């Protein structure tokens, strides 16, 4: 993949009218989530993943205090994949 196409693939689409803030009611109940313990290596991988996603602007910091725990799954090719537990 050329450098230009790689940069192009790392950009989010332009902002549109339907991109807006979702206001959360102050009285909404936040559910407690199970926390998954990560090894030192996994914490490092998680930080790298988050930094890359922030750099690409795929994610941004949230003002919410709600969390979505993550864990790693090793696939048959021995590569680990980060998984977000978004169950309610």
Protein backbone atom coordinates (compact mmCIF):
# COMPACT_ATOMS: atom_id res chain seq x y z
CA UNK A 1 0.00 0.00 0.00
CA UNK A 2 1.40 3.40 -0.95
CA UNK A 3 2.04 5.97 1.78
CA UNK A 4 -0.62 8.27 0.32
CA UNK A 5 -3.28 5.52 0.35
CA UNK A 6 -2.27 4.52 3.89
CA UNK A 7 -2.76 8.11 5.12
CA UNK A 8 -6.07 8.26 3.26
CA UNK A 9 -7.26 5.06 4.93
CA UNK A 10 -6.46 6.49 8.37
CA UNK A 11 -8.79 9.46 8.01
CA UNK A 12 -12.33 9.63 9.27
CA UNK A 13 -15.06 10.79 6.88
CA UNK A 14 -15.87 14.50 6.84
CA UNK A 15 -18.26 15.72 9.54
CA UNK A 16 -21.87 15.83 8.46
CA UNK A 17 -25.07 17.35 9.85
CA UNK A 18 -26.01 14.10 11.58
CA UNK A 19 -22.77 14.06 13.61
CA UNK A 20 -23.76 15.59 16.92
CA UNK A 21 -23.30 15.35 20.64
CA UNK A 22 -25.52 12.93 22.51
CA UNK A 23 -26.59 14.54 25.74
CA UNK A 24 -26.78 12.14 28.69
CA UNK A 25 -29.33 12.80 31.42
CA UNK A 26 -27.69 13.54 34.75
CA UNK A 27 -29.99 11.05 36.49
CA UNK A 28 -29.14 8.19 34.15
CA UNK A 29 -27.97 5.06 35.93
CA UNK A 30 -24.50 3.91 35.10
CA UNK A 31 -23.93 0.19 35.23
CA UNK A 32 -20.87 -1.22 36.89
CA UNK A 33 -18.74 -3.35 34.62
CA UNK A 34 -16.41 -6.20 35.39
CA UNK A 35 -12.76 -5.19 35.16
CA UNK A 36 -10.35 -7.54 33.44
CA UNK A 37 -6.83 -7.72 34.82
CA UNK A 38 -4.17 -7.12 32.16
CA UNK A 39 -0.54 -8.15 32.27
CA UNK A 40 2.14 -5.45 31.98
CA UNK A 41 2.63 -6.44 28.32
CA UNK A 42 -1.11 -6.19 27.63
CA UNK A 43 -1.33 -2.77 29.33
CA UNK A 44 1.47 -1.58 27.05
CA UNK A 45 -0.33 -2.96 23.99
CA UNK A 46 -3.55 -1.31 25.13
CA UNK A 47 -1.82 2.08 25.52
CA UNK A 48 -0.26 1.74 22.04
CA UNK A 49 -3.65 0.83 20.57
CA UNK A 50 -5.37 3.83 22.22
CA UNK A 51 -2.59 6.23 21.16
CA UNK A 52 -2.85 4.99 17.56
CA UNK A 53 -6.66 5.35 17.55
CA UNK A 54 -6.38 8.88 18.99
CA UNK A 55 -3.73 9.79 16.38
CA UNK A 56 -5.96 8.54 13.56
CA UNK A 57 -8.90 10.38 15.20
CA UNK A 58 -10.94 7.16 15.22
CA UNK A 59 -11.66 7.80 18.91
CA UNK A 60 -11.57 10.81 21.19
CA UNK A 61 -11.65 11.40 24.90
CA UNK A 62 -15.07 11.07 26.49
CA UNK A 63 -16.63 13.25 29.15
CA UNK A 64 -18.59 10.28 30.50
CA UNK A 65 -17.50 8.38 33.55
CA UNK A 66 -18.89 5.11 32.15
CA UNK A 67 -16.27 2.56 31.08
CA UNK A 68 -16.18 -0.34 28.68
CA UNK A 69 -13.62 -2.93 29.81
CA UNK A 70 -11.24 -4.49 27.31
CA UNK A 71 -9.45 -7.81 27.12
CA UNK A 72 -7.27 -9.66 24.62
CA UNK A 73 -8.08 -12.78 22.61
CA UNK A 74 -5.37 -14.86 20.95
CA UNK A 75 -6.38 -16.13 17.51
CA UNK A 76 -5.15 -19.26 15.70
CA UNK A 77 -2.40 -17.24 14.01
CA UNK A 78 -1.05 -16.46 17.54
CA UNK A 79 -1.81 -12.75 17.10
CA UNK A 80 -3.65 -11.07 19.98
CA UNK A 81 -6.71 -8.93 19.28
CA UNK A 82 -8.11 -6.30 21.60
CA UNK A 83 -11.81 -6.79 22.43
CA UNK A 84 -14.13 -4.23 24.03
CA UNK A 85 -16.78 -5.68 26.34
CA UNK A 86 -19.80 -3.58 25.38
CA UNK A 87 -22.43 -5.86 26.91
CA UNK A 88 -25.04 -4.10 28.96
